[in-house]
Amino acid sequence: MEITTLRLPPGLKEDLEEEAEDNDMSLSEYVRVILRARERIQQENTNDYGNRIRKLEERVDELEMLIEKAKTRSRKNTEDSDPEDVISWVREEQPVSRSEIISEWYPDDAPINENTWWENRVRPHLEERGGEFTRNVGWELH
């Protein structure tokens, strides 16, 4: 062990002496115990930061999902979805099934049922843009 001198602010030495006495230790023993405990304290702080970061990352993921859901709702809540937007989405997400297109784009307040919407407004645009349907795969644009 190496001998060293510590300079302590006024009052701290007395506080440490009292704490050491309460724990039935000499001041030197008590200071050594405190210094050894600093590794454990630093480890706890490191773990705490890791937990905080992990929780923040989880929260960011939740918020991203909520934003994506809000975007979907805003797409679906338009009375008549623009077929070009649907085509762009299919191009990005391909291959997609008819049911995926309907669940993603069929407007909640559409004045027509989803089959009519599909047959009259979406499918013809897909086919015009070179969209092909493959059974058990879905729609793809070439």
N, C-alpha and C. Protein backbone atom coordinates (compact mmCIF):
# COMPACT_ATOMS: atom_id res chain seq x y z
N MET A 1 0.84 -1.18 0.00
CA MET A 1 0.00 0.00 0.00
C MET A 1 0.88 1.24 0.00
N GLU A 2 0.41 2.26 -0.66
CA GLU A 2 1.16 3.49 -0.74
C GLU A 2 0.52 4.52 0.19
N ILE A 3 1.35 5.23 0.91
CA ILE A 3 0.85 6.25 1.84
C ILE A 3 0.68 7.55 1.08
N THR A 4 -0.45 8.20 1.33
CA THR A 4 -0.73 9.47 0.67
C THR A 4 -1.44 10.39 1.65
N THR A 5 -1.41 11.67 1.37
CA THR A 5 -2.06 12.66 2.21
C THR A 5 -3.25 13.22 1.46
N LEU A 6 -4.36 13.34 2.15
CA LEU A 6 -5.56 13.92 1.55
C LEU A 6 -5.84 15.27 2.18
N ARG A 7 -6.20 16.21 1.36
CA ARG A 7 -6.66 17.50 1.87
C ARG A 7 -8.17 17.50 1.74
N LEU A 8 -8.84 17.74 2.83
CA LEU A 8 -10.30 17.70 2.86
C LEU A 8 -10.86 19.07 3.22
N PRO A 9 -12.00 19.42 2.64
CA PRO A 9 -12.63 20.69 3.00
C PRO A 9 -13.01 20.70 4.48
N PRO A 10 -13.14 21.92 5.04
CA PRO A 10 -13.50 22.01 6.46
C PRO A 10 -14.81 21.28 6.72
N GLY A 11 -14.84 20.55 7.79
CA GLY A 11 -16.06 19.86 8.19
C GLY A 11 -16.15 18.45 7.63
N LEU A 12 -15.54 18.19 6.47
CA LEU A 12 -15.63 16.86 5.87
C LEU A 12 -14.87 15.83 6.69
N LYS A 13 -13.71 16.24 7.21
CA LYS A 13 -12.93 15.30 8.02
C LYS A 13 -13.73 14.88 9.24
N GLU A 14 -14.38 15.85 9.88
CA GLU A 14 -15.18 15.52 11.06
C GLU A 14 -16.35 14.61 10.70
N ASP A 15 -16.99 14.89 9.56
CA ASP A 15 -18.11 14.04 9.11
C ASP A 15 -17.63 12.61 8.86
N LEU A 16 -16.48 12.48 8.19
CA LEU A 16 -15.93 11.15 7.91
C LEU A 16 -15.53 10.43 9.19
N GLU A 17 -14.97 11.17 10.14
CA GLU A 17 -14.60 10.56 11.42
C GLU A 17 -15.82 10.03 12.14
N GLU A 18 -16.92 10.81 12.12
CA GLU A 18 -18.17 10.37 12.75
C GLU A 18 -18.72 9.12 12.07
N GLU A 19 -18.73 9.12 10.74
CA GLU A 19 -19.22 7.96 10.00
C GLU A 19 -18.35 6.73 10.27
N ALA A 20 -17.04 6.94 10.32
CA ALA A 20 -16.13 5.83 10.61
C ALA A 20 -16.41 5.27 12.00
N GLU A 21 -16.58 6.15 12.95
CA GLU A 21 -16.86 5.72 14.33
C GLU A 21 -18.18 4.96 14.39
N ASP A 22 -19.21 5.45 13.66
CA ASP A 22 -20.50 4.75 13.63
C ASP A 22 -20.37 3.34 13.06
N ASN A 23 -19.39 3.13 12.17
CA ASN A 23 -19.17 1.82 11.56
C ASN A 23 -18.05 1.04 12.23
N ASP A 24 -17.62 1.51 13.40
CA ASP A 24 -16.55 0.86 14.18
C ASP A 24 -15.28 0.67 13.35
N MET A 25 -14.84 1.75 12.68
CA MET A 25 -13.62 1.72 11.88
C MET A 25 -12.80 2.95 12.21
N SER A 26 -11.53 2.84 11.85
CA SER A 26 -10.69 4.03 11.94
C SER A 26 -10.98 4.88 10.70
N LEU A 27 -10.55 6.13 10.75
CA LEU A 27 -10.76 7.01 9.60
C LEU A 27 -10.08 6.45 8.36
N SER A 28 -8.88 5.94 8.50
CA SER A 28 -8.14 5.37 7.36
C SER A 28 -8.88 4.18 6.76
N GLU A 29 -9.38 3.28 7.62
CA GLU A 29 -10.12 2.12 7.12
C GLU A 29 -11.38 2.56 6.37
N TYR A 30 -12.07 3.51 6.96
CA TYR A 30 -13.34 3.97 6.36
C TYR A 30 -13.10 4.63 4.99
N VAL A 31 -12.04 5.44 4.88
CA VAL A 31 -11.72 6.08 3.60
C VAL A 31 -11.36 5.02 2.56
N ARG A 32 -10.61 3.98 2.96
CA ARG A 32 -10.29 2.89 2.02
C ARG A 32 -11.56 2.17 1.54
N VAL A 33 -12.51 1.94 2.46
CA VAL A 33 -13.77 1.29 2.07
C VAL A 33 -14.52 2.16 1.05
N ILE A 34 -14.54 3.45 1.31
CA ILE A 34 -15.23 4.38 0.38
C ILE A 34 -14.54 4.35 -0.98
N LEU A 35 -13.22 4.39 -1.01
CA LEU A 35 -12.50 4.40 -2.28
C LEU A 35 -12.68 3.09 -3.04
N ARG A 36 -12.73 1.97 -2.33
CA ARG A 36 -12.97 0.68 -3.00
C ARG A 36 -14.39 0.63 -3.58
N ALA A 37 -15.31 1.26 -2.91
CA ALA A 37 -16.71 1.23 -3.35
C ALA A 37 -16.93 2.07 -4.60
N ARG A 38 -15.99 2.95 -4.91
CA ARG A 38 -16.19 3.82 -6.07
C ARG A 38 -16.29 3.04 -7.37
N GLU A 39 -15.58 1.89 -7.48
CA GLU A 39 -15.70 1.06 -8.67
C GLU A 39 -17.13 0.56 -8.84
N ARG A 40 -17.71 0.08 -7.74
CA ARG A 40 -19.09 -0.41 -7.78
C ARG A 40 -20.05 0.72 -8.12
N ILE A 41 -19.82 1.88 -7.57
CA ILE A 41 -20.68 3.03 -7.83
C ILE A 41 -20.58 3.44 -9.30
N GLN A 42 -19.37 3.47 -9.83
CA GLN A 42 -19.19 3.81 -11.24
C GLN A 42 -19.87 2.79 -12.14
N GLN A 43 -19.77 1.51 -11.76
CA GLN A 43 -20.42 0.44 -12.53
C GLN A 43 -21.93 0.63 -12.53
N GLU A 44 -22.49 0.96 -11.36
CA GLU A 44 -23.93 1.18 -11.27
C GLU A 44 -24.34 2.37 -12.13
N ASN A 45 -23.55 3.44 -12.12
CA ASN A 45 -23.86 4.60 -12.95
C ASN A 45 -23.80 4.25 -14.43
N THR A 46 -22.79 3.46 -14.82
CA THR A 46 -22.66 3.04 -16.21
C THR A 46 -23.87 2.22 -16.62
N ASN A 47 -24.27 1.28 -15.77
CA ASN A 47 -25.45 0.46 -16.07
C ASN A 47 -26.69 1.32 -16.14
N ASP A 48 -26.78 2.31 -15.26
CA ASP A 48 -27.94 3.19 -15.26
C ASP A 48 -28.03 3.97 -16.57
N TYR A 49 -26.89 4.47 -17.07
CA TYR A 49 -26.88 5.19 -18.34
C TYR A 49 -27.27 4.25 -19.48
N GLY A 50 -26.75 3.02 -19.43
CA GLY A 50 -27.11 2.04 -20.45
C GLY A 50 -28.61 1.77 -20.46
N ASN A 51 -29.19 1.65 -19.27
CA ASN A 51 -30.64 1.43 -19.17
C ASN A 51 -31.41 2.63 -19.70
N ARG A 52 -30.95 3.81 -19.36
CA ARG A 52 -31.62 5.02 -19.85
C ARG A 52 -31.56 5.11 -21.37
N ILE A 53 -30.40 4.82 -21.92
CA ILE A 53 -30.24 4.87 -23.38
C ILE A 53 -31.15 3.83 -24.02
N ARG A 54 -31.18 2.62 -23.47
CA ARG A 54 -32.03 1.57 -24.01
C ARG A 54 -33.51 1.98 -23.97
N LYS A 55 -33.94 2.58 -22.86
CA LYS A 55 -35.33 3.03 -22.75
C LYS A 55 -35.64 4.14 -23.75
N LEU A 56 -34.69 5.06 -23.93
CA LEU A 56 -34.89 6.12 -24.92
C LEU A 56 -34.97 5.56 -26.34
N GLU A 57 -34.12 4.58 -26.64
CA GLU A 57 -34.18 3.96 -27.96
C GLU A 57 -35.53 3.27 -28.18
N GLU A 58 -36.02 2.58 -27.15
CA GLU A 58 -37.33 1.93 -27.25
C GLU A 58 -38.43 2.96 -27.47
N ARG A 59 -38.33 4.09 -26.78
CA ARG A 59 -39.33 5.14 -26.93
C ARG A 59 -39.30 5.73 -28.33
N VAL A 60 -38.09 5.93 -28.87
CA VAL A 60 -37.96 6.45 -30.24
C VAL A 60 -38.61 5.47 -31.22
N ASP A 61 -38.37 4.16 -31.01
CA ASP A 61 -39.00 3.16 -31.88
C ASP A 61 -40.52 3.24 -31.80
N GLU A 62 -41.06 3.39 -30.59
CA GLU A 62 -42.51 3.51 -30.42
C GLU A 62 -43.05 4.74 -31.15
N LEU A 63 -42.34 5.86 -31.00
CA LEU A 63 -42.77 7.09 -31.65
C LEU A 63 -42.71 6.97 -33.17
N GLU A 64 -41.68 6.30 -33.69
CA GLU A 64 -41.60 6.09 -35.13
C GLU A 64 -42.78 5.26 -35.63
N MET A 65 -43.17 4.24 -34.85
CA MET A 65 -44.33 3.43 -35.23
C MET A 65 -45.60 4.25 -35.21
N LEU A 66 -45.75 5.11 -34.19
CA LEU A 66 -46.93 5.97 -34.11
C LEU A 66 -46.99 6.93 -35.30
N ILE A 67 -45.84 7.47 -35.68
CA ILE A 67 -45.79 8.39 -36.82
C ILE A 67 -46.19 7.65 -38.08
N GLU A 68 -45.68 6.44 -38.26
CA GLU A 68 -46.01 5.66 -39.46
C GLU A 68 -47.51 5.35 -39.49
N LYS A 69 -48.07 5.00 -38.32
CA LYS A 69 -49.51 4.73 -38.25
C LYS A 69 -50.30 5.99 -38.60
N ALA A 70 -49.82 7.14 -38.12
CA ALA A 70 -50.51 8.40 -38.42
C ALA A 70 -50.45 8.70 -39.91
N LYS A 71 -49.31 8.42 -40.54
CA LYS A 71 -49.21 8.62 -41.99
C LYS A 71 -50.19 7.72 -42.72
N THR A 72 -50.30 6.48 -42.28
CA THR A 72 -51.24 5.54 -42.90
C THR A 72 -52.66 6.05 -42.75
N ARG A 73 -52.99 6.48 -41.53
CA ARG A 73 -54.35 6.99 -41.30
C ARG A 73 -54.62 8.21 -42.17
N SER A 74 -53.63 9.08 -42.32
CA SER A 74 -53.86 10.27 -43.14
C SER A 74 -54.05 9.89 -44.60
N ARG A 75 -53.36 8.84 -45.06
CA ARG A 75 -53.56 8.36 -46.42
C ARG A 75 -54.96 7.80 -46.58
N LYS A 76 -55.38 7.01 -45.60
CA LYS A 76 -56.65 6.32 -45.70
C LYS A 76 -57.84 7.24 -45.48
N ASN A 77 -57.63 8.33 -44.82
CA ASN A 77 -58.75 9.20 -44.49
C ASN A 77 -59.09 10.19 -45.60
N THR A 78 -58.45 10.10 -46.71
CA THR A 78 -58.82 10.96 -47.82
C THR A 78 -59.95 10.30 -48.57
N GLU A 79 -60.89 11.09 -49.02
CA GLU A 79 -62.07 10.52 -49.67
C GLU A 79 -61.70 9.70 -50.89
N ASP A 80 -60.71 10.13 -51.62
CA ASP A 80 -60.33 9.41 -52.82
C ASP A 80 -58.80 9.42 -52.95
N SER A 81 -58.16 8.32 -52.57
CA SER A 81 -56.70 8.23 -52.63
C SER A 81 -56.24 8.39 -54.07
N ASP A 82 -55.21 9.17 -54.25
CA ASP A 82 -54.64 9.38 -55.58
C ASP A 82 -53.99 8.08 -56.05
N PRO A 83 -54.42 7.54 -57.18
CA PRO A 83 -53.83 6.29 -57.67
C PRO A 83 -52.31 6.37 -57.86
N GLU A 84 -51.79 7.54 -58.18
CA GLU A 84 -50.34 7.69 -58.35
C GLU A 84 -49.60 7.44 -57.03
N ASP A 85 -50.21 7.88 -55.92
CA ASP A 85 -49.61 7.62 -54.62
C ASP A 85 -49.62 6.12 -54.32
N VAL A 86 -50.72 5.47 -54.68
CA VAL A 86 -50.81 4.02 -54.47
C VAL A 86 -49.75 3.31 -55.31
N ILE A 87 -49.60 3.73 -56.57
CA ILE A 87 -48.61 3.12 -57.46
C ILE A 87 -47.20 3.29 -56.87
N SER A 88 -46.89 4.48 -56.40
CA SER A 88 -45.56 4.75 -55.81
C SER A 88 -45.32 3.84 -54.61
N TRP A 89 -46.36 3.70 -53.79
CA TRP A 89 -46.24 2.84 -52.60
C TRP A 89 -46.01 1.39 -53.01
N VAL A 90 -46.76 0.91 -53.99
CA VAL A 90 -46.59 -0.47 -54.46
C VAL A 90 -45.18 -0.66 -54.99
N ARG A 91 -44.67 0.32 -55.72
CA ARG A 91 -43.31 0.23 -56.28
C ARG A 91 -42.28 0.10 -55.14
N GLU A 92 -42.48 0.83 -54.07
CA GLU A 92 -41.54 0.78 -52.94
C GLU A 92 -41.66 -0.51 -52.14
N GLU A 93 -42.87 -1.01 -51.99
CA GLU A 93 -43.12 -2.14 -51.08
C GLU A 93 -43.23 -3.49 -51.79
N GLN A 94 -43.17 -3.51 -53.10
CA GLN A 94 -43.46 -4.72 -53.86
C GLN A 94 -42.63 -5.92 -53.42
N PRO A 95 -43.18 -7.11 -53.55
CA PRO A 95 -44.53 -7.43 -54.00
C PRO A 95 -45.54 -7.21 -52.86
N VAL A 96 -46.74 -6.77 -53.22
CA VAL A 96 -47.80 -6.56 -52.23
C VAL A 96 -49.08 -7.23 -52.72
N SER A 97 -49.86 -7.70 -51.76
CA SER A 97 -51.11 -8.34 -52.11
C SER A 97 -52.22 -7.30 -52.24
N ARG A 98 -53.29 -7.71 -52.86
CA ARG A 98 -54.47 -6.85 -52.99
C ARG A 98 -54.94 -6.40 -51.61
N SER A 99 -54.98 -7.35 -50.67
CA SER A 99 -55.46 -7.01 -49.32
C SER A 99 -54.54 -6.01 -48.62
N GLU A 100 -53.23 -6.10 -48.87
CA GLU A 100 -52.31 -5.11 -48.29
C GLU A 100 -52.56 -3.72 -48.87
N ILE A 101 -52.79 -3.67 -50.17
CA ILE A 101 -53.07 -2.38 -50.81
C ILE A 101 -54.35 -1.79 -50.25
N ILE A 102 -55.37 -2.62 -50.12
CA ILE A 102 -56.65 -2.13 -49.59
C ILE A 102 -56.50 -1.68 -48.14
N SER A 103 -55.83 -2.49 -47.31
CA SER A 103 -55.71 -2.10 -45.90
C SER A 103 -54.88 -0.84 -45.74
N GLU A 104 -53.93 -0.62 -46.64
CA GLU A 104 -53.06 0.54 -46.55
C GLU A 104 -53.70 1.80 -47.15
N TRP A 105 -54.51 1.65 -48.21
CA TRP A 105 -54.94 2.81 -48.99
C TRP A 105 -56.44 3.02 -49.11
N TYR A 106 -57.26 2.01 -48.87
CA TYR A 106 -58.71 2.19 -49.04
C TYR A 106 -59.21 3.23 -48.05
N PRO A 107 -59.82 4.31 -48.55
CA PRO A 107 -60.26 5.39 -47.66
C PRO A 107 -61.40 4.95 -46.74
N ASP A 108 -61.29 5.32 -45.47
CA ASP A 108 -62.33 4.98 -44.49
C ASP A 108 -63.67 5.58 -44.87
N ASP A 109 -63.64 6.75 -45.49
CA ASP A 109 -64.90 7.45 -45.82
C ASP A 109 -65.26 7.33 -47.30
N ALA A 110 -64.74 6.29 -47.95
CA ALA A 110 -65.01 6.14 -49.38
C ALA A 110 -66.50 5.93 -49.63
N PRO A 111 -67.04 6.58 -50.65
CA PRO A 111 -68.45 6.44 -50.96
C PRO A 111 -68.77 5.13 -51.68
N ILE A 112 -67.74 4.34 -51.98
CA ILE A 112 -67.94 3.06 -52.66
C ILE A 112 -67.31 1.95 -51.84
N ASN A 113 -67.73 0.71 -52.08
CA ASN A 113 -67.13 -0.38 -51.30
C ASN A 113 -65.72 -0.67 -51.82
N GLU A 114 -64.96 -1.43 -51.02
CA GLU A 114 -63.55 -1.63 -51.35
C GLU A 114 -63.33 -2.41 -52.64
N ASN A 115 -64.23 -3.35 -52.98
CA ASN A 115 -64.06 -4.09 -54.24
C ASN A 115 -64.23 -3.18 -55.44
N THR A 116 -65.23 -2.30 -55.40
CA THR A 116 -65.43 -1.36 -56.48
C THR A 116 -64.26 -0.40 -56.56
N TRP A 117 -63.80 0.08 -55.44
CA TRP A 117 -62.63 0.96 -55.38
C TRP A 117 -61.43 0.28 -56.03
N TRP A 118 -61.20 -0.98 -55.67
CA TRP A 118 -60.09 -1.75 -56.22
C TRP A 118 -60.23 -1.93 -57.74
N GLU A 119 -61.40 -2.41 -58.16
CA GLU A 119 -61.61 -2.75 -59.58
C GLU A 119 -61.61 -1.51 -60.48
N ASN A 120 -62.16 -0.41 -59.99
CA ASN A 120 -62.33 0.78 -60.85
C ASN A 120 -61.22 1.81 -60.72
N ARG A 121 -60.60 1.90 -59.56
CA ARG A 121 -59.66 3.00 -59.34
C ARG A 121 -58.22 2.58 -59.20
N VAL A 122 -57.95 1.41 -58.68
CA VAL A 122 -56.56 1.05 -58.41
C VAL A 122 -56.02 0.04 -59.43
N ARG A 123 -56.71 -1.05 -59.60
CA ARG A 123 -56.22 -2.11 -60.48
C ARG A 123 -55.93 -1.61 -61.90
N PRO A 124 -56.84 -0.82 -62.51
CA PRO A 124 -56.52 -0.35 -63.87
C PRO A 124 -55.23 0.46 -63.93
N HIS A 125 -54.98 1.27 -62.91
CA HIS A 125 -53.75 2.07 -62.88
C HIS A 125 -52.51 1.18 -62.72
N LEU A 126 -52.65 0.14 -61.87
CA LEU A 126 -51.54 -0.80 -61.72
C LEU A 126 -51.21 -1.47 -63.06
N GLU A 127 -52.25 -1.92 -63.73
CA GLU A 127 -52.05 -2.61 -65.00
C GLU A 127 -51.49 -1.67 -66.06
N GLU A 128 -51.94 -0.40 -66.09
CA GLU A 128 -51.41 0.57 -67.05
C GLU A 128 -49.92 0.81 -66.85
N ARG A 129 -49.47 0.77 -65.60
CA ARG A 129 -48.06 1.03 -65.28
C ARG A 129 -47.21 -0.23 -65.37
N GLY A 130 -47.77 -1.30 -65.92
CA GLY A 130 -47.00 -2.53 -66.07
C GLY A 130 -47.06 -3.43 -64.86
N GLY A 131 -48.01 -3.20 -63.99
CA GLY A 131 -48.14 -4.05 -62.81
C GLY A 131 -48.64 -5.43 -63.20
N GLU A 132 -48.04 -6.43 -62.59
CA GLU A 132 -48.46 -7.81 -62.83
C GLU A 132 -48.73 -8.48 -61.51
N PHE A 133 -49.78 -9.31 -61.51
CA PHE A 133 -50.12 -10.07 -60.32
C PHE A 133 -49.65 -11.50 -60.50
N THR A 134 -48.91 -12.00 -59.53
CA THR A 134 -48.48 -13.38 -59.52
C THR A 134 -49.09 -14.06 -58.31
N ARG A 135 -49.78 -15.18 -58.57
CA ARG A 135 -50.45 -15.89 -57.49
C ARG A 135 -49.44 -16.28 -56.41
N ASN A 136 -49.85 -16.13 -55.16
CA ASN A 136 -49.04 -16.43 -53.97
C ASN A 136 -47.81 -15.52 -53.83
N VAL A 137 -47.73 -14.48 -54.65
CA VAL A 137 -46.64 -13.52 -54.53
C VAL A 137 -47.22 -12.13 -54.32
N GLY A 138 -48.00 -11.67 -55.27
CA GLY A 138 -48.63 -10.36 -55.16
C GLY A 138 -48.37 -9.50 -56.39
N TRP A 139 -48.66 -8.22 -56.25
CA TRP A 139 -48.49 -7.26 -57.34
C TRP A 139 -47.07 -6.75 -57.37
N GLU A 140 -46.53 -6.69 -58.59
CA GLU A 140 -45.20 -6.14 -58.79
C GLU A 140 -45.23 -5.24 -60.00
N LEU A 141 -44.44 -4.18 -59.96
CA LEU A 141 -44.32 -3.26 -61.11
C LEU A 141 -42.96 -3.49 -61.75
N HIS A 142 -42.95 -3.61 -63.06
CA HIS A 142 -41.70 -3.87 -63.78
C HIS A 142 -41.27 -2.66 -64.56
